[in-house]
C-alpha atoms as a PDB file:
ATOM      1  CA  MET A   1     -22.327  21.712  33.390  1.00  0.00           C
ATOM      2  CA  ASP A   2     -24.277  18.780  34.833  1.00  0.00           C
ATOM      3  CA  SER A   3     -27.399  19.627  32.783  1.00  0.00           C
ATOM      4  CA  LYS A   4     -25.230  20.093  29.680  1.00  0.00           C
ATOM      5  CA  GLN A   5     -23.723  16.640  30.194  1.00  0.00           C
ATOM      6  CA  LYS A   6     -27.200  15.074  30.493  1.00  0.00           C
ATOM      7  CA  TYR A   7     -28.259  16.898  27.309  1.00  0.00           C
ATOM      8  CA  LYS A   8     -25.284  15.483  25.428  1.00  0.00           C
ATOM      9  CA  THR A   9     -26.022  12.006  26.751  1.00  0.00           C
ATOM     10  CA  LYS A  10     -29.643  12.328  25.625  1.00  0.00           C
ATOM     11  CA  GLN A  11     -28.520  13.458  22.163  1.00  0.00           C
ATOM     12  CA  ARG A  12     -26.173  10.496  21.926  1.00  0.00           C
ATOM     13  CA  GLU A  13     -28.955   8.076  22.852  1.00  0.00           C
ATOM     14  CA  ILE A  14     -31.362   9.670  20.368  1.00  0.00           C
ATOM     15  CA  MET A  15     -28.751   9.403  17.640  1.00  0.00           C
ATOM     16  CA  LEU A  16     -27.953   5.779  18.492  1.00  0.00           C
ATOM     17  CA  GLU A  17     -31.654   4.949  18.382  1.00  0.00           C
ATOM     18  CA  TYR A  18     -31.874   6.414  14.882  1.00  0.00           C
ATOM     19  CA  LEU A  19     -28.690   4.679  13.697  1.00  0.00           C
ATOM     20  CA  LYS A  20     -29.959   1.312  14.920  1.00  0.00           C
ATOM     21  CA  SER A  21     -33.145   1.867  12.909  1.00  0.00           C
ATOM     22  CA  VAL A  22     -31.106   2.255   9.700  1.00  0.00           C
ATOM     23  CA  GLN A  23     -28.742  -0.644  10.332  1.00  0.00           C
ATOM     24  CA  GLY A  24     -27.440  -2.080   7.073  1.00  0.00           C
ATOM     25  CA  VAL A  25     -28.045   1.190   5.203  1.00  0.00           C
ATOM     26  CA  HIS A  26     -25.431   3.788   4.304  1.00  0.00           C
ATOM     27  CA  PHE A  27     -26.220   7.319   5.386  1.00  0.00           C
ATOM     28  CA  THR A  28     -24.536  10.696   5.302  1.00  0.00           C
ATOM     29  CA  ALA A  29     -24.321  13.335   8.009  1.00  0.00           C
ATOM     30  CA  ARG A  30     -26.863  15.302   5.999  1.00  0.00           C
ATOM     31  CA  ASP A  31     -29.295  12.351   6.144  1.00  0.00           C
ATOM     32  CA  VAL A  32     -29.003  12.389   9.935  1.00  0.00           C
ATOM     33  CA  CYS A  33     -29.490  16.159  10.101  1.00  0.00           C
ATOM     34  CA  ASP A  34     -32.534  15.944   7.803  1.00  0.00           C
ATOM     35  CA  TYR A  35     -34.047  13.172   9.918  1.00  0.00           C
ATOM     36  CA  PHE A  36     -33.768  15.162  13.144  1.00  0.00           C
ATOM     37  CA  ARG A  37     -34.933  18.404  11.513  1.00  0.00           C
ATOM     38  CA  GLU A  38     -38.041  16.637  10.141  1.00  0.00           C
ATOM     39  CA  ARG A  39     -38.775  15.277  13.631  1.00  0.00           C
ATOM     40  CA  GLY A  40     -38.343  18.711  15.161  1.00  0.00           C
ATOM     41  CA  ASP A  41     -35.424  17.624  17.364  1.00  0.00           C
ATOM     42  CA  ALA A  42     -33.000  20.404  18.200  1.00  0.00           C
ATOM     43  CA  ILE A  43     -29.705  18.767  17.253  1.00  0.00           C
ATOM     44  CA  GLY A  44     -27.434  21.087  15.321  1.00  0.00           C
ATOM     45  CA  GLN A  45     -25.373  20.124  12.297  1.00  0.00           C
ATOM     46  CA  SER A  46     -22.032  20.560  14.068  1.00  0.00           C
ATOM     47  CA  THR A  47     -23.270  18.346  16.911  1.00  0.00           C
ATOM     48  CA  VAL A  48     -24.275  15.639  14.415  1.00  0.00           C
ATOM     49  CA  TYR A  49     -20.822  15.741  12.806  1.00  0.00           C
ATOM     50  CA  ARG A  50     -19.062  15.560  16.185  1.00  0.00           C
ATOM     51  CA  ARG A  51     -21.291  12.699  17.360  1.00  0.00           C
ATOM     52  CA  LEU A  52     -20.721  10.728  14.160  1.00  0.00           C
ATOM     53  CA  GLU A  53     -16.946  11.123  14.446  1.00  0.00           C
ATOM     54  CA  SER A  54     -17.109  10.084  18.090  1.00  0.00           C
ATOM     55  CA  LEU A  55     -19.114   6.967  17.189  1.00  0.00           C
ATOM     56  CA  VAL A  56     -16.569   6.153  14.468  1.00  0.00           C
ATOM     57  CA  ASP A  57     -13.801   6.401  17.086  1.00  0.00           C
ATOM     58  CA  GLU A  58     -15.783   4.060  19.350  1.00  0.00           C
ATOM     59  CA  GLY A  59     -16.201   1.534  16.514  1.00  0.00           C
ATOM     60  CA  ILE A  60     -20.008   1.741  16.605  1.00  0.00           C
ATOM     61  CA  ILE A  61     -20.251   3.094  13.081  1.00  0.00           C
ATOM     62  CA  ASN A  62     -17.942   2.834  10.083  1.00  0.00           C
ATOM     63  CA  LYS A  63     -17.033   5.835   7.984  1.00  0.00           C
ATOM     64  CA  TYR A  64     -16.444   5.425   4.272  1.00  0.00           C
ATOM     65  CA  ILE A  65     -14.868   8.035   2.027  1.00  0.00           C
ATOM     66  CA  VAL A  66     -15.671   6.978  -1.498  1.00  0.00           C
ATOM     67  CA  ASP A  67     -13.982   9.810  -3.384  1.00  0.00           C
ATOM     68  CA  GLY A  68     -13.292  13.510  -3.214  1.00  0.00           C
ATOM     69  CA  SER A  69     -16.587  14.467  -4.839  1.00  0.00           C
ATOM     70  CA  SER A  70     -18.934  12.473  -2.594  1.00  0.00           C
ATOM     71  CA  PRO A  71     -19.754  13.152   1.040  1.00  0.00           C
ATOM     72  CA  ALA A  72     -18.504  10.623   3.573  1.00  0.00           C
ATOM     73  CA  CYS A  73     -21.035   7.933   4.289  1.00  0.00           C
ATOM     74  CA  PHE A  74     -21.498   5.972   7.462  1.00  0.00           C
ATOM     75  CA  GLU A  75     -22.886   2.612   8.467  1.00  0.00           C
ATOM     76  CA  TYR A  76     -24.050   1.447  11.870  1.00  0.00           C
ATOM     77  CA  VAL A  77     -22.169  -1.756  12.748  1.00  0.00           C
ATOM     78  CA  GLY A  78     -23.250  -2.070  16.352  1.00  0.00           C
ATOM     79  CA  GLU A  79     -21.789  -1.671  19.764  1.00  0.00           C
ATOM     80  CA  GLU A  80     -20.528  -5.276  19.907  1.00  0.00           C
ATOM     81  CA  LYS A  81     -18.642  -5.176  16.598  1.00  0.00           C
ATOM     82  CA  HIS A  82     -15.408  -3.472  15.677  1.00  0.00           C
ATOM     83  CA  ALA A  83     -14.884  -1.387  12.577  1.00  0.00           C
ATOM     84  CA  ASP A  84     -11.981  -3.474  11.271  1.00  0.00           C
ATOM     85  CA  SER A  85     -13.938  -6.724  11.440  1.00  0.00           C
ATOM     86  CA  VAL A  86     -16.230  -5.727   8.585  1.00  0.00           C
ATOM     87  CA  SER A  87     -15.198  -6.958   5.158  1.00  0.00           C
ATOM     88  CA  CYS A  88     -16.805  -4.926   2.426  1.00  0.00           C
ATOM     89  CA  VAL A  89     -16.216  -2.875  -0.676  1.00  0.00           C
ATOM     90  CA  HIS A  90     -18.221  -0.176  -2.367  1.00  0.00           C
ATOM     91  CA  PHE A  91     -19.499   0.346  -5.852  1.00  0.00           C
ATOM     92  CA  LYS A  92     -20.159   3.824  -7.215  1.00  0.00           C
ATOM     93  CA  CYS A  93     -22.373   4.322 -10.224  1.00  0.00           C
ATOM     94  CA  GLU A  94     -20.614   6.561 -12.722  1.00  0.00           C
ATOM     95  CA  LYS A  95     -23.941   7.768 -14.097  1.00  0.00           C
ATOM     96  CA  CYS A  96     -26.185   8.546 -11.090  1.00  0.00           C
ATOM     97  CA  GLY A  97     -23.566   8.595  -8.306  1.00  0.00           C
ATOM     98  CA  LYS A  98     -25.300   6.000  -6.134  1.00  0.00           C
ATOM     99  CA  VAL A  99     -22.984   4.204  -3.707  1.00  0.00           C
ATOM    100  CA  ILE A 100     -23.648   0.524  -3.069  1.00  0.00           C
ATOM    101  CA  HIS A 101     -22.143  -1.379  -0.148  1.00  0.00           C
ATOM    102  CA  LEU A 102     -21.273  -5.036  -0.733  1.00  0.00           C
ATOM    103  CA  SER A 103     -20.158  -7.541   1.840  1.00  0.00           C
ATOM    104  CA  CYS A 104     -19.909 -11.162   0.755  1.00  0.00           C
ATOM    105  CA  SER A 105     -17.659 -14.204   0.973  1.00  0.00           C
ATOM    106  CA  GLU A 106     -16.208 -13.634  -2.511  1.00  0.00           C
ATOM    107  CA  ILE A 107     -14.795 -10.317  -1.327  1.00  0.00           C
ATOM    108  CA  GLU A 108     -13.150 -12.091   1.607  1.00  0.00           C
ATOM    109  CA  GLU A 109     -11.712 -14.679  -0.804  1.00  0.00           C
ATOM    110  CA  LEU A 110     -10.322 -11.878  -2.986  1.00  0.00           C
ATOM    111  CA  GLN A 111      -8.742 -10.249   0.074  1.00  0.00           C
ATOM    112  CA  ALA A 112      -7.160 -13.556   1.115  1.00  0.00           C
ATOM    113  CA  HIS A 113      -5.875 -14.149  -2.432  1.00  0.00           C
ATOM    114  CA  LEU A 114      -4.343 -10.683  -2.648  1.00  0.00           C
ATOM    115  CA  LEU A 115      -2.606 -11.155   0.668  1.00  0.00           C
ATOM    116  CA  SER A 116      -1.296 -14.691   0.107  1.00  0.00           C
ATOM    117  CA  GLU A 117      -0.421 -14.490  -3.590  1.00  0.00           C
ATOM    118  CA  HIS A 118       0.506 -10.848  -4.026  1.00  0.00           C
ATOM    119  CA  ARG A 119       1.507  -9.758  -0.517  1.00  0.00           C
ATOM    120  CA  PHE A 120      -1.001  -6.945  -0.654  1.00  0.00           C
ATOM    121  CA  LYS A 121      -3.485  -6.212   2.091  1.00  0.00           C
ATOM    122  CA  LEU A 122      -6.605  -4.626   0.675  1.00  0.00           C
ATOM    123  CA  ASN A 123      -8.226  -1.876   2.740  1.00  0.00           C
ATOM    124  CA  PRO A 124     -11.918  -2.659   2.206  1.00  0.00           C
ATOM    125  CA  VAL A 125     -13.083   0.567   3.829  1.00  0.00           C
ATOM    126  CA  ARG A 126     -11.337   2.525   1.082  1.00  0.00           C
ATOM    127  CA  THR A 127     -11.984   0.177  -1.846  1.00  0.00           C
ATOM    128  CA  VAL A 128     -14.373   1.456  -4.504  1.00  0.00           C
ATOM    129  CA  PHE A 129     -15.284  -0.118  -7.829  1.00  0.00           C
ATOM    130  CA  TYR A 130     -16.760   2.132 -10.510  1.00  0.00           C
ATOM    131  CA  GLY A 131     -19.367   1.098 -13.053  1.00  0.00           C
ATOM    132  CA  LEU A 132     -23.121   1.271 -13.621  1.00  0.00           C
ATOM    133  CA  CYS A 133     -25.838   0.337 -11.142  1.00  0.00           C
ATOM    134  CA  GLU A 134     -28.764  -1.824 -12.263  1.00  0.00           C
ATOM    135  CA  ASP A 135     -31.009   1.240 -12.666  1.00  0.00           C
ATOM    136  CA  CYS A 136     -28.543   2.910 -15.037  1.00  0.00           C
ATOM    137  CA  LEU A 137     -27.609  -0.141 -17.134  1.00  0.00           C
END
C-alpha cells in the first residue's frame, strides 16, 4: 500500500507538471492520455480521468462542458486560484467544432449588467456562444 501511495503521488506530480506547461490552453482527457502515451509514461486512461476529476474538485483545474457532442475540456488555473473566480465564456465554431476560451473585462461587464438589471446570474463555466471562428469565416 505504501508503494502504491507513492506511485499515485508521483503520477499526480507528473500530471501537474504537464498541466502547468499548458496553462492558458484548453485540453481534453484524451490530450492528456496522448501526451503521456507519446512520452512512454505508464498512466492509464482511467487514472487520467480520475486525476482530472480530483484536480477539478481541488480547484486546480476548471472543467467545461460545452455541449453533449463535445468532450469535456479542462483548463489549468493554478493551485492558488479557485475555479469560481475565473470569468470566462466559450465560443464553439459551428463549422469546424473548435472551442475558444475568452476571458475579458467586457464579459465581466455583461455579467454585472445581467445581474443588476435583469436579476440573472450568468454561469460562465457553462456559457457557450455559437458562430464561426476566424479560420472558417
